[in-house]
Amino acid sequence: MEQEQPGVETLFRKIVSYLEIKLELLKLKTIEKIAEVVSLIISSAIILLILFLFISMLNITLALWIGSLLGKTLYGFLVMTCFYLLVGIIFYKSRKKLFDKPVKDLIIKQILSDLDEDEN
């Protein structure tokens, strides 16, 4: 019986060590995923800000140009406002078909591909 005890203790220590290593690996993978998400959010926010500024300047330019063609600056801004109202209505009516389903599918595909990588 005494010979089995050291073997069991050694096995128990190896199991504990294995579990500690697996836990540490899980922590590191979690930190990596969080870093990827934060990096993606920050870079996307910067790109969206630059795009917003570009579109804003383009819209002001178009409004002023249309206003000069129509004889009053106010009319140019009115035309641009109506244009965006129309775009907003079209987007609202077709949001599920054009955006909701494709975005959901993309997210599910990304999650499943991450799970497949973790299994391998």
PDB file of N, CA and C in Angstrom:
ATOM      1  N   MET A   1       0.810  -1.190   0.000  1.00  0.00           N
ATOM      2  CA  MET A   1       0.000   0.000   0.000  1.00  0.00           C
ATOM      3  C   MET A   1       0.849   1.247   0.000  1.00  0.00           C
ATOM      4  N   GLU A   2       1.971   1.191   0.705  1.00  0.00           N
ATOM      5  CA  GLU A   2       2.781   2.386   0.830  1.00  0.00           C
ATOM      6  C   GLU A   2       3.370   2.796  -0.513  1.00  0.00           C
ATOM      7  N   GLN A   3       3.615   1.867  -1.391  1.00  0.00           N
ATOM      8  CA  GLN A   3       4.175   2.212  -2.690  1.00  0.00           C
ATOM      9  C   GLN A   3       3.151   2.925  -3.564  1.00  0.00           C
ATOM     10  N   GLU A   4       1.878   2.644  -3.385  1.00  0.00           N
ATOM     11  CA  GLU A   4       0.846   3.287  -4.191  1.00  0.00           C
ATOM     12  C   GLU A   4       0.662   4.748  -3.807  1.00  0.00           C
ATOM     13  N   GLN A   5       0.852   5.094  -2.551  1.00  0.00           N
ATOM     14  CA  GLN A   5       0.646   6.462  -2.072  1.00  0.00           C
ATOM     15  C   GLN A   5       1.508   7.464  -2.832  1.00  0.00           C
ATOM     16  N   PRO A   6       2.833   7.266  -2.946  1.00  0.00           N
ATOM     17  CA  PRO A   6       3.631   8.250  -3.686  1.00  0.00           C
ATOM     18  C   PRO A   6       3.190   8.365  -5.140  1.00  0.00           C
ATOM     19  N   GLY A   7       2.766   7.280  -5.743  1.00  0.00           N
ATOM     20  CA  GLY A   7       2.285   7.323  -7.123  1.00  0.00           C
ATOM     21  C   GLY A   7       1.015   8.137  -7.249  1.00  0.00           C
ATOM     22  N   VAL A   8       0.109   7.967  -6.298  1.00  0.00           N
ATOM     23  CA  VAL A   8      -1.147   8.720  -6.303  1.00  0.00           C
ATOM     24  C   VAL A   8      -0.873  10.197  -6.058  1.00  0.00           C
ATOM     25  N   GLU A   9       0.031  10.482  -5.116  1.00  0.00           N
ATOM     26  CA  GLU A   9       0.366  11.874  -4.830  1.00  0.00           C
ATOM     27  C   GLU A   9       1.013  12.536  -6.039  1.00  0.00           C
ATOM     28  N   THR A  10       1.894  11.828  -6.705  1.00  0.00           N
ATOM     29  CA  THR A  10       2.545  12.360  -7.902  1.00  0.00           C
ATOM     30  C   THR A  10       1.510  12.615  -8.996  1.00  0.00           C
ATOM     31  N   LEU A  11       0.616  11.676  -9.173  1.00  0.00           N
ATOM     32  CA  LEU A  11      -0.436  11.834 -10.167  1.00  0.00           C
ATOM     33  C   LEU A  11      -1.320  13.023  -9.823  1.00  0.00           C
ATOM     34  N   PHE A  12      -1.667  13.160  -8.544  1.00  0.00           N
ATOM     35  CA  PHE A  12      -2.497  14.277  -8.103  1.00  0.00           C
ATOM     36  C   PHE A  12      -1.787  15.608  -8.357  1.00  0.00           C
ATOM     37  N   ARG A  13      -0.487  15.692  -8.064  1.00  0.00           N
ATOM     38  CA  ARG A  13       0.282  16.918  -8.295  1.00  0.00           C
ATOM     39  C   ARG A  13       0.342  17.247  -9.787  1.00  0.00           C
ATOM     40  N   LYS A  14       0.487  16.230 -10.617  1.00  0.00           N
ATOM     41  CA  LYS A  14       0.520  16.456 -12.064  1.00  0.00           C
ATOM     42  C   LYS A  14      -0.826  16.943 -12.573  1.00  0.00           C
ATOM     43  N   ILE A  15      -1.901  16.391 -12.030  1.00  0.00           N
ATOM     44  CA  ILE A  15      -3.240  16.838 -12.422  1.00  0.00           C
ATOM     45  C   ILE A  15      -3.453  18.294 -12.017  1.00  0.00           C
ATOM     46  N   VAL A  16      -3.060  18.634 -10.799  1.00  0.00           N
ATOM     47  CA  VAL A  16      -3.197  20.016 -10.319  1.00  0.00           C
ATOM     48  C   VAL A  16      -2.360  20.951 -11.182  1.00  0.00           C
ATOM     49  N   SER A  17      -1.148  20.550 -11.486  1.00  0.00           N
ATOM     50  CA  SER A  17      -0.262  21.357 -12.336  1.00  0.00           C
ATOM     51  C   SER A  17      -0.867  21.540 -13.728  1.00  0.00           C
ATOM     52  N   TYR A  18      -1.412  20.461 -14.274  1.00  0.00           N
ATOM     53  CA  TYR A  18      -2.063  20.525 -15.590  1.00  0.00           C
ATOM     54  C   TYR A  18      -3.235  21.502 -15.577  1.00  0.00           C
ATOM     55  N   LEU A  19      -4.058  21.424 -14.534  1.00  0.00           N
ATOM     56  CA  LEU A  19      -5.214  22.316 -14.434  1.00  0.00           C
ATOM     57  C   LEU A  19      -4.786  23.771 -14.279  1.00  0.00           C
ATOM     58  N   GLU A  20      -3.706  24.006 -13.524  1.00  0.00           N
ATOM     59  CA  GLU A  20      -3.199  25.371 -13.370  1.00  0.00           C
ATOM     60  C   GLU A  20      -2.700  25.923 -14.706  1.00  0.00           C
ATOM     61  N   ILE A  21      -2.018  25.094 -15.459  1.00  0.00           N
ATOM     62  CA  ILE A  21      -1.523  25.515 -16.775  1.00  0.00           C
ATOM     63  C   ILE A  21      -2.691  25.791 -17.721  1.00  0.00           C
ATOM     64  N   LYS A  22      -3.698  24.929 -17.711  1.00  0.00           N
ATOM     65  CA  LYS A  22      -4.882  25.148 -18.562  1.00  0.00           C
ATOM     66  C   LYS A  22      -5.595  26.443 -18.188  1.00  0.00           C
ATOM     67  N   LEU A  23      -5.696  26.714 -16.886  1.00  0.00           N
ATOM     68  CA  LEU A  23      -6.322  27.949 -16.422  1.00  0.00           C
ATOM     69  C   LEU A  23      -5.525  29.165 -16.876  1.00  0.00           C
ATOM     70  N   GLU A  24      -4.224  29.089 -16.771  1.00  0.00           N
ATOM     71  CA  GLU A  24      -3.363  30.197 -17.214  1.00  0.00           C
ATOM     72  C   GLU A  24      -3.505  30.407 -18.718  1.00  0.00           C
ATOM     73  N   LEU A  25      -3.566  29.332 -19.474  1.00  0.00           N
ATOM     74  CA  LEU A  25      -3.765  29.426 -20.926  1.00  0.00           C
ATOM     75  C   LEU A  25      -5.103  30.073 -21.255  1.00  0.00           C
ATOM     76  N   LEU A  26      -6.139  29.692 -20.530  1.00  0.00           N
ATOM     77  CA  LEU A  26      -7.459  30.290 -20.725  1.00  0.00           C
ATOM     78  C   LEU A  26      -7.425  31.789 -20.433  1.00  0.00           C
ATOM     79  N   LYS A  27      -6.736  32.173 -19.355  1.00  0.00           N
ATOM     80  CA  LYS A  27      -6.599  33.591 -19.022  1.00  0.00           C
ATOM     81  C   LYS A  27      -5.893  34.348 -20.142  1.00  0.00           C
ATOM     82  N   LEU A  28      -4.813  33.784 -20.655  1.00  0.00           N
ATOM     83  CA  LEU A  28      -4.052  34.442 -21.719  1.00  0.00           C
ATOM     84  C   LEU A  28      -4.869  34.567 -23.004  1.00  0.00           C
ATOM     85  N   LYS A  29      -5.621  33.525 -23.343  1.00  0.00           N
ATOM     86  CA  LYS A  29      -6.478  33.589 -24.536  1.00  0.00           C
ATOM     87  C   LYS A  29      -7.573  34.639 -24.354  1.00  0.00           C
ATOM     88  N   THR A  30      -8.124  34.733 -23.146  1.00  0.00           N
ATOM     89  CA  THR A  30      -9.149  35.734 -22.865  1.00  0.00           C
ATOM     90  C   THR A  30      -8.578  37.143 -22.992  1.00  0.00           C
ATOM     91  N   ILE A  31      -7.398  37.349 -22.442  1.00  0.00           N
ATOM     92  CA  ILE A  31      -6.747  38.658 -22.545  1.00  0.00           C
ATOM     93  C   ILE A  31      -6.469  38.999 -24.006  1.00  0.00           C
ATOM     94  N   GLU A  32      -6.034  38.014 -24.777  1.00  0.00           N
ATOM     95  CA  GLU A  32      -5.767  38.247 -26.199  1.00  0.00           C
ATOM     96  C   GLU A  32      -7.042  38.655 -26.936  1.00  0.00           C
ATOM     97  N   LYS A  33      -8.142  37.965 -26.668  1.00  0.00           N
ATOM     98  CA  LYS A  33      -9.415  38.296 -27.323  1.00  0.00           C
ATOM     99  C   LYS A  33      -9.883  39.693 -26.932  1.00  0.00           C
ATOM    100  N   ILE A  34      -9.748  40.036 -25.644  1.00  0.00           N
ATOM    101  CA  ILE A  34     -10.144  41.367 -25.189  1.00  0.00           C
ATOM    102  C   ILE A  34      -9.291  42.428 -25.879  1.00  0.00           C
ATOM    103  N   ALA A  35      -8.002  42.180 -25.991  1.00  0.00           N
ATOM    104  CA  ALA A  35      -7.113  43.130 -26.663  1.00  0.00           C
ATOM    105  C   ALA A  35      -7.489  43.295 -28.126  1.00  0.00           C
ATOM    106  N   GLU A  36      -7.843  42.190 -28.786  1.00  0.00           N
ATOM    107  CA  GLU A  36      -8.270  42.269 -30.182  1.00  0.00           C
ATOM    108  C   GLU A  36      -9.541  43.100 -30.317  1.00  0.00           C
ATOM    109  N   VAL A  37     -10.496  42.880 -29.436  1.00  0.00           N
ATOM    110  CA  VAL A  37     -11.764  43.607 -29.501  1.00  0.00           C
ATOM    111  C   VAL A  37     -11.542  45.097 -29.235  1.00  0.00           C
ATOM    112  N   VAL A  38     -10.761  45.426 -28.220  1.00  0.00           N
ATOM    113  CA  VAL A  38     -10.497  46.827 -27.904  1.00  0.00           C
ATOM    114  C   VAL A  38      -9.765  47.499 -29.059  1.00  0.00           C
ATOM    115  N   SER A  39      -8.795  46.824 -29.620  1.00  0.00           N
ATOM    116  CA  SER A  39      -8.062  47.357 -30.764  1.00  0.00           C
ATOM    117  C   SER A  39      -8.994  47.600 -31.955  1.00  0.00           C
ATOM    118  N   LEU A  40      -9.877  46.655 -32.206  1.00  0.00           N
ATOM    119  CA  LEU A  40     -10.834  46.800 -33.304  1.00  0.00           C
ATOM    120  C   LEU A  40     -11.782  47.970 -33.046  1.00  0.00           C
ATOM    121  N   ILE A  41     -12.242  48.117 -31.823  1.00  0.00           N
ATOM    122  CA  ILE A  41     -13.157  49.212 -31.491  1.00  0.00           C
ATOM    123  C   ILE A  41     -12.466  50.562 -31.673  1.00  0.00           C
ATOM    124  N   ILE A  42     -11.242  50.689 -31.182  1.00  0.00           N
ATOM    125  CA  ILE A  42     -10.529  51.960 -31.288  1.00  0.00           C
ATOM    126  C   ILE A  42     -10.233  52.306 -32.744  1.00  0.00           C
ATOM    127  N   SER A  43      -9.724  51.354 -33.504  1.00  0.00           N
ATOM    128  CA  SER A  43      -9.412  51.639 -34.909  1.00  0.00           C
ATOM    129  C   SER A  43     -10.680  51.928 -35.703  1.00  0.00           C
ATOM    130  N   SER A  44     -11.757  51.214 -35.417  1.00  0.00           N
ATOM    131  CA  SER A  44     -13.027  51.472 -36.101  1.00  0.00           C
ATOM    132  C   SER A  44     -13.569  52.848 -35.743  1.00  0.00           C
ATOM    133  N   ALA A  45     -13.434  53.238 -34.477  1.00  0.00           N
ATOM    134  CA  ALA A  45     -13.910  54.559 -34.047  1.00  0.00           C
ATOM    135  C   ALA A  45     -13.143  55.667 -34.755  1.00  0.00           C
ATOM    136  N   ILE A  46     -11.846  55.513 -34.896  1.00  0.00           N
ATOM    137  CA  ILE A  46     -11.046  56.520 -35.594  1.00  0.00           C
ATOM    138  C   ILE A  46     -11.442  56.602 -37.056  1.00  0.00           C
ATOM    139  N   ILE A  47     -11.599  55.453 -37.691  1.00  0.00           N
ATOM    140  CA  ILE A  47     -12.006  55.435 -39.098  1.00  0.00           C
ATOM    141  C   ILE A  47     -13.388  56.058 -39.266  1.00  0.00           C
ATOM    142  N   LEU A  48     -14.314  55.724 -38.371  1.00  0.00           N
ATOM    143  CA  LEU A  48     -15.663  56.298 -38.446  1.00  0.00           C
ATOM    144  C   LEU A  48     -15.646  57.810 -38.227  1.00  0.00           C
ATOM    145  N   LEU A  49     -14.801  58.283 -37.328  1.00  0.00           N
ATOM    146  CA  LEU A  49     -14.686  59.722 -37.097  1.00  0.00           C
ATOM    147  C   LEU A  49     -14.182  60.436 -38.349  1.00  0.00           C
ATOM    148  N   ILE A  50     -13.151  59.893 -38.962  1.00  0.00           N
ATOM    149  CA  ILE A  50     -12.612  60.486 -40.190  1.00  0.00           C
ATOM    150  C   ILE A  50     -13.654  60.439 -41.298  1.00  0.00           C
ATOM    151  N   LEU A  51     -14.344  59.328 -41.430  1.00  0.00           N
ATOM    152  CA  LEU A  51     -15.393  59.203 -42.438  1.00  0.00           C
ATOM    153  C   LEU A  51     -16.528  60.187 -42.175  1.00  0.00           C
ATOM    154  N   PHE A  52     -16.909  60.357 -40.904  1.00  0.00           N
ATOM    155  CA  PHE A  52     -17.948  61.310 -40.529  1.00  0.00           C
ATOM    156  C   PHE A  52     -17.547  62.730 -40.915  1.00  0.00           C
ATOM    157  N   LEU A  53     -16.303  63.098 -40.633  1.00  0.00           N
ATOM    158  CA  LEU A  53     -15.829  64.436 -40.991  1.00  0.00           C
ATOM    159  C   LEU A  53     -15.829  64.637 -42.502  1.00  0.00           C
ATOM    160  N   PHE A  54     -15.397  63.625 -43.233  1.00  0.00           N
ATOM    161  CA  PHE A  54     -15.391  63.702 -44.696  1.00  0.00           C
ATOM    162  C   PHE A  54     -16.807  63.882 -45.242  1.00  0.00           C
ATOM    163  N   ILE A  55     -17.724  63.060 -44.763  1.00  0.00           N
ATOM    164  CA  ILE A  55     -19.104  63.130 -45.250  1.00  0.00           C
ATOM    165  C   ILE A  55     -19.751  64.451 -44.850  1.00  0.00           C
ATOM    166  N   SER A  56     -19.446  64.938 -43.654  1.00  0.00           N
ATOM    167  CA  SER A  56     -20.004  66.220 -43.220  1.00  0.00           C
ATOM    168  C   SER A  56     -19.534  67.355 -44.125  1.00  0.00           C
ATOM    169  N   MET A  57     -18.243  67.400 -44.399  1.00  0.00           N
ATOM    170  CA  MET A  57     -17.707  68.448 -45.277  1.00  0.00           C
ATOM    171  C   MET A  57     -18.259  68.323 -46.695  1.00  0.00           C
ATOM    172  N   LEU A  58     -18.384  67.104 -47.162  1.00  0.00           N
ATOM    173  CA  LEU A  58     -18.948  66.887 -48.491  1.00  0.00           C
ATOM    174  C   LEU A  58     -20.399  67.352 -48.548  1.00  0.00           C
ATOM    175  N   ASN A  59     -21.163  67.069 -47.499  1.00  0.00           N
ATOM    176  CA  ASN A  59     -22.560  67.492 -47.460  1.00  0.00           C
ATOM    177  C   ASN A  59     -22.700  69.015 -47.411  1.00  0.00           C
ATOM    178  N   ILE A  60     -21.860  69.672 -46.639  1.00  0.00           N
ATOM    179  CA  ILE A  60     -21.904  71.132 -46.585  1.00  0.00           C
ATOM    180  C   ILE A  60     -21.545  71.717 -47.950  1.00  0.00           C
ATOM    181  N   THR A  61     -20.519  71.143 -48.578  1.00  0.00           N
ATOM    182  CA  THR A  61     -20.121  71.600 -49.911  1.00  0.00           C
ATOM    183  C   THR A  61     -21.248  71.413 -50.914  1.00  0.00           C
ATOM    184  N   LEU A  62     -21.869  70.235 -50.895  1.00  0.00           N
ATOM    185  CA  LEU A  62     -22.985  69.981 -51.822  1.00  0.00           C
ATOM    186  C   LEU A  62     -24.167  70.907 -51.542  1.00  0.00           C
ATOM    187  N   ALA A  63     -24.464  71.132 -50.279  1.00  0.00           N
ATOM    188  CA  ALA A  63     -25.575  72.017 -49.925  1.00  0.00           C
ATOM    189  C   ALA A  63     -25.307  73.438 -50.411  1.00  0.00           C
ATOM    190  N   LEU A  64     -24.088  73.911 -50.221  1.00  0.00           N
ATOM    191  CA  LEU A  64     -23.748  75.257 -50.694  1.00  0.00           C
ATOM    192  C   LEU A  64     -23.796  75.345 -52.214  1.00  0.00           C
ATOM    193  N   TRP A  65     -23.305  74.285 -52.885  1.00  0.00           N
ATOM    194  CA  TRP A  65     -23.308  74.277 -54.351  1.00  0.00           C
ATOM    195  C   TRP A  65     -24.735  74.244 -54.889  1.00  0.00           C
ATOM    196  N   ILE A  66     -25.568  73.355 -54.343  1.00  0.00           N
ATOM    197  CA  ILE A  66     -26.970  73.279 -54.771  1.00  0.00           C
ATOM    198  C   ILE A  66     -27.678  74.596 -54.468  1.00  0.00           C
ATOM    199  N   GLY A  67     -27.373  75.173 -53.309  1.00  0.00           N
ATOM    200  CA  GLY A  67     -27.954  76.463 -52.957  1.00  0.00           C
ATOM    201  C   GLY A  67     -27.581  77.554 -53.932  1.00  0.00           C
ATOM    202  N   SER A  68     -26.328  77.541 -54.393  1.00  0.00           N
ATOM    203  CA  SER A  68     -25.920  78.551 -55.378  1.00  0.00           C
ATOM    204  C   SER A  68     -26.620  78.335 -56.712  1.00  0.00           C
ATOM    205  N   LEU A  69     -26.872  77.069 -57.064  1.00  0.00           N
ATOM    206  CA  LEU A  69     -27.602  76.785 -58.313  1.00  0.00           C
ATOM    207  C   LEU A  69     -29.063  77.219 -58.214  1.00  0.00           C
ATOM    208  N   LEU A  70     -29.663  77.069 -57.025  1.00  0.00           N
ATOM    209  CA  LEU A  70     -31.074  77.404 -56.835  1.00  0.00           C
ATOM    210  C   LEU A  70     -31.286  78.877 -56.443  1.00  0.00           C
ATOM    211  N   GLY A  71     -30.210  79.576 -56.162  1.00  0.00           N
ATOM    212  CA  GLY A  71     -30.329  80.993 -55.866  1.00  0.00           C
ATOM    213  C   GLY A  71     -30.336  81.341 -54.391  1.00  0.00           C
ATOM    214  N   LYS A  72     -30.535  80.388 -53.518  1.00  0.00           N
ATOM    215  CA  LYS A  72     -30.522  80.635 -52.076  1.00  0.00           C
ATOM    216  C   LYS A  72     -29.813  79.475 -51.382  1.00  0.00           C
ATOM    217  N   THR A  73     -28.911  79.797 -50.477  1.00  0.00           N
ATOM    218  CA  THR A  73     -28.172  78.771 -49.737  1.00  0.00           C
ATOM    219  C   THR A  73     -29.117  77.869 -48.953  1.00  0.00           C
ATOM    220  N   LEU A  74     -30.157  78.447 -48.422  1.00  0.00           N
ATOM    221  CA  LEU A  74     -31.135  77.696 -47.636  1.00  0.00           C
ATOM    222  C   LEU A  74     -31.729  76.537 -48.438  1.00  0.00           C
ATOM    223  N   TYR A  75     -31.991  76.763 -49.717  1.00  0.00           N
ATOM    224  CA  TYR A  75     -32.574  75.701 -50.550  1.00  0.00           C
ATOM    225  C   TYR A  75     -31.617  74.514 -50.711  1.00  0.00           C
ATOM    226  N   GLY A  76     -30.342  74.781 -50.775  1.00  0.00           N
ATOM    227  CA  GLY A  76     -29.363  73.695 -50.881  1.00  0.00           C
ATOM    228  C   GLY A  76     -29.385  72.805 -49.652  1.00  0.00           C
ATOM    229  N   PHE A  77     -29.450  73.439 -48.474  1.00  0.00           N
ATOM    230  CA  PHE A  77     -29.516  72.650 -47.243  1.00  0.00           C
ATOM    231  C   PHE A  77     -30.855  71.918 -47.131  1.00  0.00           C
ATOM    232  N   LEU A  78     -31.909  72.516 -47.621  1.00  0.00           N
ATOM    233  CA  LEU A  78     -33.225  71.868 -47.620  1.00  0.00           C
ATOM    234  C   LEU A  78     -33.216  70.630 -48.518  1.00  0.00           C
ATOM    235  N   VAL A  79     -32.614  70.750 -49.703  1.00  0.00           N
ATOM    236  CA  VAL A  79     -32.513  69.610 -50.624  1.00  0.00           C
ATOM    237  C   VAL A  79     -31.716  68.481 -49.968  1.00  0.00           C
ATOM    238  N   MET A  80     -30.595  68.804 -49.337  1.00  0.00           N
ATOM    239  CA  MET A  80     -29.777  67.771 -48.688  1.00  0.00           C
ATOM    240  C   MET A  80     -30.516  67.131 -47.522  1.00  0.00           C
ATOM    241  N   THR A  81     -31.277  67.918 -46.778  1.00  0.00           N
ATOM    242  CA  THR A  81     -32.067  67.384 -45.666  1.00  0.00           C
ATOM    243  C   THR A  81     -33.116  66.407 -46.177  1.00  0.00           C
ATOM    244  N   CYS A  82     -33.805  66.780 -47.241  1.00  0.00           N
ATOM    245  CA  CYS A  82     -34.815  65.885 -47.826  1.00  0.00           C
ATOM    246  C   CYS A  82     -34.186  64.612 -48.369  1.00  0.00           C
ATOM    247  N   PHE A  83     -32.996  64.740 -48.965  1.00  0.00           N
ATOM    248  CA  PHE A  83     -32.289  63.572 -49.481  1.00  0.00           C
ATOM    249  C   PHE A  83     -32.002  62.584 -48.348  1.00  0.00           C
ATOM    250  N   TYR A  84     -31.490  63.099 -47.218  1.00  0.00           N
ATOM    251  CA  TYR A  84     -31.182  62.209 -46.103  1.00  0.00           C
ATOM    252  C   TYR A  84     -32.427  61.667 -45.414  1.00  0.00           C
ATOM    253  N   LEU A  85     -33.496  62.415 -45.449  1.00  0.00           N
ATOM    254  CA  LEU A  85     -34.762  61.897 -44.935  1.00  0.00           C
ATOM    255  C   LEU A  85     -35.212  60.709 -45.774  1.00  0.00           C
ATOM    256  N   LEU A  86     -35.105  60.836 -47.091  1.00  0.00           N
ATOM    257  CA  LEU A  86     -35.467  59.749 -48.007  1.00  0.00           C
ATOM    258  C   LEU A  86     -34.564  58.529 -47.787  1.00  0.00           C
ATOM    259  N   VAL A  87     -33.265  58.759 -47.664  1.00  0.00           N
ATOM    260  CA  VAL A  87     -32.322  57.655 -47.417  1.00  0.00           C
ATOM    261  C   VAL A  87     -32.644  56.976 -46.085  1.00  0.00           C
ATOM    262  N   GLY A  88     -32.983  57.764 -45.070  1.00  0.00           N
ATOM    263  CA  GLY A  88     -33.336  57.209 -43.761  1.00  0.00           C
ATOM    264  C   GLY A  88     -34.581  56.344 -43.813  1.00  0.00           C
ATOM    265  N   ILE A  89     -35.573  56.790 -44.559  1.00  0.00           N
ATOM    266  CA  ILE A  89     -36.811  56.011 -44.696  1.00  0.00           C
ATOM    267  C   ILE A  89     -36.544  54.706 -45.425  1.00  0.00           C
ATOM    268  N   ILE A  90     -35.767  54.770 -46.500  1.00  0.00           N
ATOM    269  CA  ILE A  90     -35.423  53.547 -47.251  1.00  0.00           C
ATOM    270  C   ILE A  90     -34.637  52.582 -46.357  1.00  0.00           C
ATOM    271  N   PHE A  91     -33.681  53.110 -45.616  1.00  0.00           N
ATOM    272  CA  PHE A  91     -32.897  52.276 -44.709  1.00  0.00           C
ATOM    273  C   PHE A  91     -33.788  51.630 -43.653  1.00  0.00           C
ATOM    274  N   TYR A  92     -34.691  52.411 -43.083  1.00  0.00           N
ATOM    275  CA  TYR A  92     -35.579  51.891 -42.038  1.00  0.00           C
ATOM    276  C   TYR A  92     -36.467  50.771 -42.587  1.00  0.00           C
ATOM    277  N   LYS A  93     -36.990  50.955 -43.787  1.00  0.00           N
ATOM    278  CA  LYS A  93     -37.890  49.950 -44.371  1.00  0.00           C
ATOM    279  C   LYS A  93     -37.158  48.657 -44.741  1.00  0.00           C
ATOM    280  N   SER A  94     -35.885  48.758 -45.124  1.00  0.00           N
ATOM    281  CA  SER A  94     -35.176  47.570 -45.604  1.00  0.00           C
ATOM    282  C   SER A  94     -34.065  47.117 -44.662  1.00  0.00           C
ATOM    283  N   ARG A  95     -34.062  47.593 -43.421  1.00  0.00           N
ATOM    284  CA  ARG A  95     -32.974  47.291 -42.495  1.00  0.00           C
ATOM    285  C   ARG A  95     -32.841  45.800 -42.193  1.00  0.00           C
ATOM    286  N   LYS A  96     -33.961  45.094 -42.046  1.00  0.00           N
ATOM    287  CA  LYS A  96     -33.868  43.676 -41.690  1.00  0.00           C
ATOM    288  C   LYS A  96     -33.264  42.863 -42.823  1.00  0.00           C
ATOM    289  N   LYS A  97     -33.704  43.142 -44.031  1.00  0.00           N
ATOM    290  CA  LYS A  97     -33.223  42.383 -45.184  1.00  0.00           C
ATOM    291  C   LYS A  97     -31.774  42.732 -45.520  1.00  0.00           C
ATOM    292  N   LEU A  98     -31.441  44.015 -45.482  1.00  0.00           N
ATOM    293  CA  LEU A  98     -30.124  44.451 -45.922  1.00  0.00           C
ATOM    294  C   LEU A  98     -29.048  44.377 -44.833  1.00  0.00           C
ATOM    295  N   PHE A  99     -29.435  44.529 -43.567  1.00  0.00           N
ATOM    296  CA  PHE A  99     -28.417  44.659 -42.544  1.00  0.00           C
ATOM    297  C   PHE A  99     -28.527  43.653 -41.408  1.00  0.00           C
ATOM    298  N   ASP A 100     -29.691  43.461 -40.839  1.00  0.00           N
ATOM    299  CA  ASP A 100     -29.813  42.617 -39.655  1.00  0.00           C
ATOM    300  C   ASP A 100     -29.365  41.186 -39.913  1.00  0.00           C
ATOM    301  N   LYS A 101     -29.923  40.549 -40.924  1.00  0.00           N
ATOM    302  CA  LYS A 101     -29.587  39.156 -41.202  1.00  0.00           C
ATOM    303  C   LYS A 101     -28.122  38.987 -41.612  1.00  0.00           C
ATOM    304  N   PRO A 102     -27.597  39.784 -42.546  1.00  0.00           N
ATOM    305  CA  PRO A 102     -26.178  39.609 -42.894  1.00  0.00           C
ATOM    306  C   PRO A 102     -25.225  39.847 -41.717  1.00  0.00           C
ATOM    307  N   VAL A 103     -25.524  40.823 -40.869  1.00  0.00           N
ATOM    308  CA  VAL A 103     -24.653  41.085 -39.719  1.00  0.00           C
ATOM    309  C   VAL A 103     -24.725  39.926 -38.733  1.00  0.00           C
ATOM    310  N   LYS A 104     -25.922  39.417 -38.466  1.00  0.00           N
ATOM    311  CA  LYS A 104     -26.055  38.264 -37.566  1.00  0.00           C
ATOM    312  C   LYS A 104     -25.292  37.060 -38.114  1.00  0.00           C
ATOM    313  N   ASP A 105     -25.452  36.800 -39.421  1.00  0.00           N
ATOM    314  CA  ASP A 105     -24.751  35.674 -40.037  1.00  0.00           C
ATOM    315  C   ASP A 105     -23.235  35.838 -39.937  1.00  0.00           C
ATOM    316  N   LEU A 106     -22.757  37.058 -40.141  1.00  0.00           N
ATOM    317  CA  LEU A 106     -21.320  37.314 -40.054  1.00  0.00           C
ATOM    318  C   LEU A 106     -20.804  37.077 -38.640  1.00  0.00           C
ATOM    319  N   ILE A 107     -21.540  37.528 -37.645  1.00  0.00           N
ATOM    320  CA  ILE A 107     -21.127  37.338 -36.252  1.00  0.00           C
ATOM    321  C   ILE A 107     -21.114  35.856 -35.894  1.00  0.00           C
ATOM    322  N   ILE A 108     -22.151  35.136 -36.281  1.00  0.00           N
ATOM    323  CA  ILE A 108     -22.216  33.699 -35.991  1.00  0.00           C
ATOM    324  C   ILE A 108     -21.077  32.963 -36.683  1.00  0.00           C
ATOM    325  N   LYS A 109     -20.804  33.323 -37.926  1.00  0.00           N
ATOM    326  CA  LYS A 109     -19.716  32.683 -38.673  1.00  0.00           C
ATOM    327  C   LYS A 109     -18.380  32.942 -37.984  1.00  0.00           C
ATOM    328  N   GLN A 110     -18.160  34.174 -37.519  1.00  0.00           N
ATOM    329  CA  GLN A 110     -16.913  34.522 -36.836  1.00  0.00           C
ATOM    330  C   GLN A 110     -16.767  33.739 -35.537  1.00  0.00           C
ATOM    331  N   ILE A 111     -17.836  33.640 -34.764  1.00  0.00           N
ATOM    332  CA  ILE A 111     -17.783  32.908 -33.500  1.00  0.00           C
ATOM    333  C   ILE A 111     -17.507  31.430 -33.744  1.00  0.00           C
ATOM    334  N   LEU A 112     -18.193  30.845 -34.721  1.00  0.00           N
ATOM    335  CA  LEU A 112     -17.986  29.427 -35.015  1.00  0.00           C
ATOM    336  C   LEU A 112     -16.579  29.170 -35.533  1.00  0.00           C
ATOM    337  N   SER A 113     -16.014  30.081 -36.324  1.00  0.00           N
ATOM    338  CA  SER A 113     -14.649  29.867 -36.819  1.00  0.00           C
ATOM    339  C   SER A 113     -13.661  29.977 -35.671  1.00  0.00           C
ATOM    340  N   ASP A 114     -13.909  30.853 -34.689  1.00  0.00           N
ATOM    341  CA  ASP A 114     -13.044  30.934 -33.511  1.00  0.00           C
ATOM    342  C   ASP A 114     -13.128  29.660 -32.686  1.00  0.00           C
ATOM    343  N   LEU A 115     -14.330  29.081 -32.579  1.00  0.00           N
ATOM    344  CA  LEU A 115     -14.484  27.827 -31.826  1.00  0.00           C
ATOM    345  C   LEU A 115     -13.758  26.691 -32.522  1.00  0.00           C
ATOM    346  N   ASP A 116     -13.830  26.655 -33.863  1.00  0.00           N
ATOM    347  CA  ASP A 116     -13.129  25.606 -34.605  1.00  0.00           C
ATOM    348  C   ASP A 116     -11.624  25.722 -34.425  1.00  0.00           C
ATOM    349  N   GLU A 117     -11.098  26.947 -34.394  1.00  0.00           N
ATOM    350  CA  GLU A 117      -9.659  27.139 -34.194  1.00  0.00           C
ATOM    351  C   GLU A 117      -9.236  26.682 -32.806  1.00  0.00           C
ATOM    352  N   ASP A 118     -10.080  26.943 -31.800  1.00  0.00           N
ATOM    353  CA  ASP A 118      -9.749  26.549 -30.437  1.00  0.00           C
ATOM    354  C   ASP A 118      -9.730  25.041 -30.271  1.00  0.00           C
ATOM    355  N   GLU A 119     -10.583  24.334 -30.999  1.00  0.00           N
ATOM    356  CA  GLU A 119     -10.640  22.878 -30.897  1.00  0.00           C
ATOM    357  C   GLU A 119      -9.413  22.234 -31.518  1.00  0.00           C
ATOM    358  N   ASN A 120      -8.843  22.871 -32.539  1.00  0.00           N
ATOM    359  CA  ASN A 120      -7.682  22.289 -33.241  1.00  0.00           C
ATOM    360  C   ASN A 120      -6.415  22.631 -32.563  1.00  0.00           C
TER     361      ASN A 120
END
